[in-house]
Amino acid sequence: MLAGRGGVPDSSGWPVAEDLTGYYREHWPAKPLAVPLEEDPGVVLANLYGAEDAGADVVVSLCRVGRRVPRAKVRVEVRLLDSEDPDDNPNIAFVLDDLARSIATWRDQGKRVVVHCVQAERRTPAVAAAYLAHHLGTTGAEAWERVARQLPTARRNRVFEQALKSRWPGGQRAST
């Protein structure tokens, strides 16, 4: 990322900042949030502020984070943009499917997984819905509705919803 930016970090200090929590608190303040999925409490949906203390073996960060925050045994950073422009996430159905399968694998290994973005509004619920669709064998639309009922911050994103519907249209359990 630095090479693409001519060696200069962005206005938040990313990707070289140790911790972007202060930047996010200044621009998007919120109380810590961490909600275990009813269908699988070993998967926790969080905002950035709740992810740190959720007790995860694996943290999946869907937003820019610092080099050391949040701490976990395994950290996975996914460049998923909170955008309704399809060109900003051109492979979104693949990314959601890959994350769903990865979360399922970690859960099969007995690991507690926390999925977070800054405010747990659109990216986090989309990934949670992908996991539920994969895990339960339900449609992407039904999985989204389940997540939206559980996560009070969930907001619709038409691009993410379309990807869920196209990848999980008929409710068949995906093979791993």
C-alpha atoms as a PDB file:
ATOM      1  CA  MET A   1       0.000   0.000   0.000  1.00  0.00           C
ATOM      2  CA  LEU A   2       2.836   2.363   0.757  1.00  0.00           C
ATOM      3  CA  ALA A   3       4.431   1.677  -2.618  1.00  0.00           C
ATOM      4  CA  GLY A   4       1.166   2.534  -4.325  1.00  0.00           C
ATOM      5  CA  ARG A   5       0.955   5.776  -2.332  1.00  0.00           C
ATOM      6  CA  GLY A   6       4.533   6.850  -3.101  1.00  0.00           C
ATOM      7  CA  GLY A   7       5.713   5.866   0.395  1.00  0.00           C
ATOM      8  CA  VAL A   8       3.233   8.158   2.141  1.00  0.00           C
ATOM      9  CA  PRO A   9       0.614   6.866   4.609  1.00  0.00           C
ATOM     10  CA  ASP A  10      -2.971   8.118   4.355  1.00  0.00           C
ATOM     11  CA  SER A  11      -4.452  10.838   6.597  1.00  0.00           C
ATOM     12  CA  SER A  12      -5.063   8.322   9.397  1.00  0.00           C
ATOM     13  CA  GLY A  13      -1.449   7.118   9.350  1.00  0.00           C
ATOM     14  CA  TRP A  14      -2.382   3.802   7.754  1.00  0.00           C
ATOM     15  CA  PRO A  15      -0.735   1.391   6.968  1.00  0.00           C
ATOM     16  CA  VAL A  16       2.160   2.198   9.321  1.00  0.00           C
ATOM     17  CA  ALA A  17       0.232   3.403  12.392  1.00  0.00           C
ATOM     18  CA  GLU A  18       0.406   1.174  15.462  1.00  0.00           C
ATOM     19  CA  ASP A  19      -3.243   1.813  16.371  1.00  0.00           C
ATOM     20  CA  LEU A  20      -6.031   3.604  14.468  1.00  0.00           C
ATOM     21  CA  THR A  21      -8.530   3.492  17.332  1.00  0.00           C
ATOM     22  CA  GLY A  22      -7.970   7.167  18.197  1.00  0.00           C
ATOM     23  CA  TYR A  23      -8.557   8.208  14.589  1.00  0.00           C
ATOM     24  CA  TYR A  24     -11.806   6.227  14.459  1.00  0.00           C
ATOM     25  CA  ARG A  25     -12.991   7.534  17.857  1.00  0.00           C
ATOM     26  CA  GLU A  26     -12.498  11.076  16.581  1.00  0.00           C
ATOM     27  CA  HIS A  27     -14.445  10.482  13.354  1.00  0.00           C
ATOM     28  CA  TRP A  28     -16.915   7.684  14.307  1.00  0.00           C
ATOM     29  CA  PRO A  29     -17.347   7.517  18.074  1.00  0.00           C
ATOM     30  CA  ALA A  30     -19.395   4.641  19.478  1.00  0.00           C
ATOM     31  CA  LYS A  31     -19.692   2.430  22.536  1.00  0.00           C
ATOM     32  CA  PRO A  32     -17.994  -0.985  22.395  1.00  0.00           C
ATOM     33  CA  LEU A  33     -20.231  -3.602  20.784  1.00  0.00           C
ATOM     34  CA  ALA A  34     -19.716  -7.374  20.668  1.00  0.00           C
ATOM     35  CA  VAL A  35     -22.665  -9.645  19.840  1.00  0.00           C
ATOM     36  CA  PRO A  36     -22.308 -13.444  19.676  1.00  0.00           C
ATOM     37  CA  LEU A  37     -24.323 -15.016  16.861  1.00  0.00           C
ATOM     38  CA  GLU A  38     -27.330 -16.856  18.250  1.00  0.00           C
ATOM     39  CA  GLU A  39     -26.788 -19.724  15.811  1.00  0.00           C
ATOM     40  CA  ASP A  40     -23.087 -20.018  16.723  1.00  0.00           C
ATOM     41  CA  PRO A  41     -21.960 -18.064  19.810  1.00  0.00           C
ATOM     42  CA  GLY A  42     -18.342 -18.828  18.926  1.00  0.00           C
ATOM     43  CA  VAL A  43     -18.651 -16.190  16.207  1.00  0.00           C
ATOM     44  CA  VAL A  44     -18.829 -12.670  17.609  1.00  0.00           C
ATOM     45  CA  LEU A  45     -19.836  -9.602  15.608  1.00  0.00           C
ATOM     46  CA  ALA A  46     -18.201  -6.429  16.838  1.00  0.00           C
ATOM     47  CA  ASN A  47     -17.357  -2.867  16.128  1.00  0.00           C
ATOM     48  CA  LEU A  48     -13.703  -1.857  16.375  1.00  0.00           C
ATOM     49  CA  TYR A  49     -14.120  -0.810  20.004  1.00  0.00           C
ATOM     50  CA  GLY A  50     -15.662  -4.127  21.075  1.00  0.00           C
ATOM     51  CA  ALA A  51     -13.330  -6.383  19.090  1.00  0.00           C
ATOM     52  CA  GLU A  52     -10.368  -5.915  21.410  1.00  0.00           C
ATOM     53  CA  ASP A  53     -12.040  -7.357  24.493  1.00  0.00           C
ATOM     54  CA  ALA A  54     -14.145 -10.080  22.857  1.00  0.00           C
ATOM     55  CA  GLY A  55     -11.669 -12.835  23.732  1.00  0.00           C
ATOM     56  CA  ALA A  56     -10.949 -14.111  20.247  1.00  0.00           C
ATOM     57  CA  ASP A  57      -8.595 -16.730  18.937  1.00  0.00           C
ATOM     58  CA  VAL A  58      -9.061 -15.204  15.465  1.00  0.00           C
ATOM     59  CA  VAL A  59      -9.895 -11.578  14.678  1.00  0.00           C
ATOM     60  CA  VAL A  60     -11.113 -10.761  11.174  1.00  0.00           C
ATOM     61  CA  SER A  61     -10.690  -7.029  10.563  1.00  0.00           C
ATOM     62  CA  LEU A  62     -12.750  -5.668   7.679  1.00  0.00           C
ATOM     63  CA  CYS A  63     -11.469  -2.106   8.087  1.00  0.00           C
ATOM     64  CA  ARG A  64      -8.060  -0.495   8.275  1.00  0.00           C
ATOM     65  CA  VAL A  65      -6.468  -1.240  11.623  1.00  0.00           C
ATOM     66  CA  GLY A  66      -3.133  -0.501  13.201  1.00  0.00           C
ATOM     67  CA  ARG A  67      -0.224  -2.856  13.074  1.00  0.00           C
ATOM     68  CA  ARG A  68      -0.918  -4.178  16.585  1.00  0.00           C
ATOM     69  CA  VAL A  69      -4.616  -3.590  17.228  1.00  0.00           C
ATOM     70  CA  PRO A  70      -6.747  -5.556  17.803  1.00  0.00           C
ATOM     71  CA  ARG A  71      -4.590  -8.216  19.424  1.00  0.00           C
ATOM     72  CA  ALA A  72      -5.316 -11.880  18.849  1.00  0.00           C
ATOM     73  CA  LYS A  73      -3.470 -15.126  18.244  1.00  0.00           C
ATOM     74  CA  VAL A  74      -4.502 -14.907  14.587  1.00  0.00           C
ATOM     75  CA  ARG A  75      -5.328 -11.632  12.829  1.00  0.00           C
ATOM     76  CA  VAL A  76      -6.765 -11.524   9.344  1.00  0.00           C
ATOM     77  CA  GLU A  77      -7.139  -8.196   7.589  1.00  0.00           C
ATOM     78  CA  VAL A  78      -9.497  -8.052   4.619  1.00  0.00           C
ATOM     79  CA  ARG A  79      -9.617  -5.040   2.348  1.00  0.00           C
ATOM     80  CA  LEU A  80     -13.393  -4.729   2.133  1.00  0.00           C
ATOM     81  CA  LEU A  81     -14.681  -1.249   1.373  1.00  0.00           C
ATOM     82  CA  ASP A  82     -17.893   0.098   2.883  1.00  0.00           C
ATOM     83  CA  SER A  83     -19.263   1.225  -0.462  1.00  0.00           C
ATOM     84  CA  GLU A  84     -22.289   0.697  -2.670  1.00  0.00           C
ATOM     85  CA  ASP A  85     -20.216   1.157  -5.824  1.00  0.00           C
ATOM     86  CA  PRO A  86     -19.746  -2.354  -7.285  1.00  0.00           C
ATOM     87  CA  ASP A  87     -16.358  -1.322  -8.683  1.00  0.00           C
ATOM     88  CA  ASP A  88     -14.986  -0.774  -5.177  1.00  0.00           C
ATOM     89  CA  ASN A  89     -15.391  -4.477  -4.283  1.00  0.00           C
ATOM     90  CA  PRO A  90     -15.261  -6.202  -7.686  1.00  0.00           C
ATOM     91  CA  ASN A  91     -14.942  -9.727  -6.265  1.00  0.00           C
ATOM     92  CA  ILE A  92     -17.319  -9.343  -3.336  1.00  0.00           C
ATOM     93  CA  ALA A  93     -19.156 -12.667  -3.800  1.00  0.00           C
ATOM     94  CA  PHE A  94     -15.820 -14.516  -3.807  1.00  0.00           C
ATOM     95  CA  VAL A  95     -14.584 -12.580  -0.758  1.00  0.00           C
ATOM     96  CA  LEU A  96     -17.771 -13.311   1.196  1.00  0.00           C
ATOM     97  CA  ASP A  97     -17.628 -16.997   0.242  1.00  0.00           C
ATOM     98  CA  ASP A  98     -13.952 -17.252   1.154  1.00  0.00           C
ATOM     99  CA  LEU A  99     -14.536 -15.586   4.520  1.00  0.00           C
ATOM    100  CA  ALA A 100     -17.553 -17.820   5.241  1.00  0.00           C
ATOM    101  CA  ARG A 101     -15.476 -20.924   4.540  1.00  0.00           C
ATOM    102  CA  SER A 102     -12.553 -19.623   6.600  1.00  0.00           C
ATOM    103  CA  ILE A 103     -14.773 -18.859   9.580  1.00  0.00           C
ATOM    104  CA  ALA A 104     -16.342 -22.331   9.286  1.00  0.00           C
ATOM    105  CA  THR A 105     -12.874 -23.902   9.294  1.00  0.00           C
ATOM    106  CA  TRP A 106     -11.772 -21.958  12.373  1.00  0.00           C
ATOM    107  CA  ARG A 107     -14.997 -22.890  14.152  1.00  0.00           C
ATOM    108  CA  ASP A 108     -14.464 -26.562  13.240  1.00  0.00           C
ATOM    109  CA  GLN A 109     -11.074 -26.200  14.952  1.00  0.00           C
ATOM    110  CA  GLY A 110     -12.820 -24.880  18.068  1.00  0.00           C
ATOM    111  CA  LYS A 111     -11.578 -21.324  17.679  1.00  0.00           C
ATOM    112  CA  ARG A 112     -13.573 -18.293  18.784  1.00  0.00           C
ATOM    113  CA  VAL A 113     -13.811 -15.831  15.874  1.00  0.00           C
ATOM    114  CA  VAL A 114     -14.493 -12.101  16.086  1.00  0.00           C
ATOM    115  CA  VAL A 115     -15.509 -10.299  12.900  1.00  0.00           C
ATOM    116  CA  HIS A 116     -15.414  -6.520  13.030  1.00  0.00           C
ATOM    117  CA  CYS A 117     -15.370  -3.278  11.109  1.00  0.00           C
ATOM    118  CA  VAL A 118     -15.422   0.252  12.488  1.00  0.00           C
ATOM    119  CA  GLN A 119     -19.099   0.409  13.470  1.00  0.00           C
ATOM    120  CA  ALA A 120     -20.440  -3.078  12.635  1.00  0.00           C
ATOM    121  CA  GLU A 121     -22.975  -1.569  10.279  1.00  0.00           C
ATOM    122  CA  ARG A 122     -22.513  -3.047   6.803  1.00  0.00           C
ATOM    123  CA  ARG A 123     -19.308  -5.036   6.344  1.00  0.00           C
ATOM    124  CA  THR A 124     -19.547  -7.069   9.547  1.00  0.00           C
ATOM    125  CA  PRO A 125     -23.203  -8.082   9.060  1.00  0.00           C
ATOM    126  CA  ALA A 126     -22.531  -9.002   5.420  1.00  0.00           C
ATOM    127  CA  VAL A 127     -19.712 -11.365   6.425  1.00  0.00           C
ATOM    128  CA  ALA A 128     -21.834 -12.775   9.261  1.00  0.00           C
ATOM    129  CA  ALA A 129     -24.683 -13.401   6.806  1.00  0.00           C
ATOM    130  CA  ALA A 130     -22.289 -15.152   4.440  1.00  0.00           C
ATOM    131  CA  TYR A 131     -21.125 -17.390   7.277  1.00  0.00           C
ATOM    132  CA  LEU A 132     -24.696 -18.200   8.327  1.00  0.00           C
ATOM    133  CA  ALA A 133     -25.772 -18.939   4.754  1.00  0.00           C
ATOM    134  CA  HIS A 134     -22.807 -21.299   4.390  1.00  0.00           C
ATOM    135  CA  HIS A 135     -23.107 -22.819   7.881  1.00  0.00           C
ATOM    136  CA  LEU A 136     -26.891 -23.269   7.977  1.00  0.00           C
ATOM    137  CA  GLY A 137     -27.500 -23.892   4.276  1.00  0.00           C
ATOM    138  CA  THR A 138     -29.965 -21.027   4.074  1.00  0.00           C
ATOM    139  CA  THR A 139     -30.339 -18.341   1.419  1.00  0.00           C
ATOM    140  CA  GLY A 140     -28.221 -15.223   1.559  1.00  0.00           C
ATOM    141  CA  ALA A 141     -31.365 -13.134   2.021  1.00  0.00           C
ATOM    142  CA  GLU A 142     -32.568 -15.223   4.982  1.00  0.00           C
ATOM    143  CA  ALA A 143     -29.097 -15.142   6.536  1.00  0.00           C
ATOM    144  CA  TRP A 144     -29.034 -11.337   6.211  1.00  0.00           C
ATOM    145  CA  GLU A 145     -32.414 -11.083   7.968  1.00  0.00           C
ATOM    146  CA  ARG A 146     -31.202 -13.311  10.817  1.00  0.00           C
ATOM    147  CA  VAL A 147     -28.106 -11.156  11.322  1.00  0.00           C
ATOM    148  CA  ALA A 148     -30.065  -7.893  11.081  1.00  0.00           C
ATOM    149  CA  ARG A 149     -32.382  -9.074  13.885  1.00  0.00           C
ATOM    150  CA  GLN A 150     -29.387  -9.781  16.137  1.00  0.00           C
ATOM    151  CA  LEU A 151     -27.085  -6.865  15.372  1.00  0.00           C
ATOM    152  CA  PRO A 152     -28.698  -3.521  16.224  1.00  0.00           C
ATOM    153  CA  THR A 153     -26.233  -1.532  14.101  1.00  0.00           C
ATOM    154  CA  ALA A 154     -26.820  -3.508  10.869  1.00  0.00           C
ATOM    155  CA  ARG A 155     -27.603  -1.402   7.802  1.00  0.00           C
ATOM    156  CA  ARG A 156     -28.279  -2.533   4.264  1.00  0.00           C
ATOM    157  CA  ASN A 157     -25.740  -2.320   1.457  1.00  0.00           C
ATOM    158  CA  ARG A 158     -27.238  -3.246  -1.914  1.00  0.00           C
ATOM    159  CA  VAL A 159     -23.920  -4.523  -3.330  1.00  0.00           C
ATOM    160  CA  PHE A 160     -23.300  -6.804  -0.352  1.00  0.00           C
ATOM    161  CA  GLU A 161     -26.908  -8.017  -0.370  1.00  0.00           C
ATOM    162  CA  GLN A 162     -26.771  -8.780  -4.084  1.00  0.00           C
ATOM    163  CA  ALA A 163     -23.573 -10.770  -3.583  1.00  0.00           C
ATOM    164  CA  LEU A 164     -25.226 -12.759  -0.777  1.00  0.00           C
ATOM    165  CA  LYS A 165     -28.264 -13.464  -2.929  1.00  0.00           C
ATOM    166  CA  SER A 166     -26.192 -14.482  -5.956  1.00  0.00           C
ATOM    167  CA  ARG A 167     -23.827 -16.763  -4.002  1.00  0.00           C
ATOM    168  CA  TRP A 168     -26.524 -18.349  -1.784  1.00  0.00           C
ATOM    169  CA  PRO A 169     -29.721 -18.137  -3.856  1.00  0.00           C
ATOM    170  CA  GLY A 170     -31.447 -21.374  -2.964  1.00  0.00           C
ATOM    171  CA  GLY A 171     -30.340 -22.355   0.489  1.00  0.00           C
ATOM    172  CA  GLN A 172     -28.101 -25.302  -0.354  1.00  0.00           C
ATOM    173  CA  ARG A 173     -25.274 -25.895   2.066  1.00  0.00           C
ATOM    174  CA  ALA A 174     -22.027 -25.053   0.312  1.00  0.00           C
ATOM    175  CA  SER A 175     -19.434 -27.798   0.198  1.00  0.00           C
ATOM    176  CA  THR A 176     -16.153 -27.066   1.969  1.00  0.00           C
END
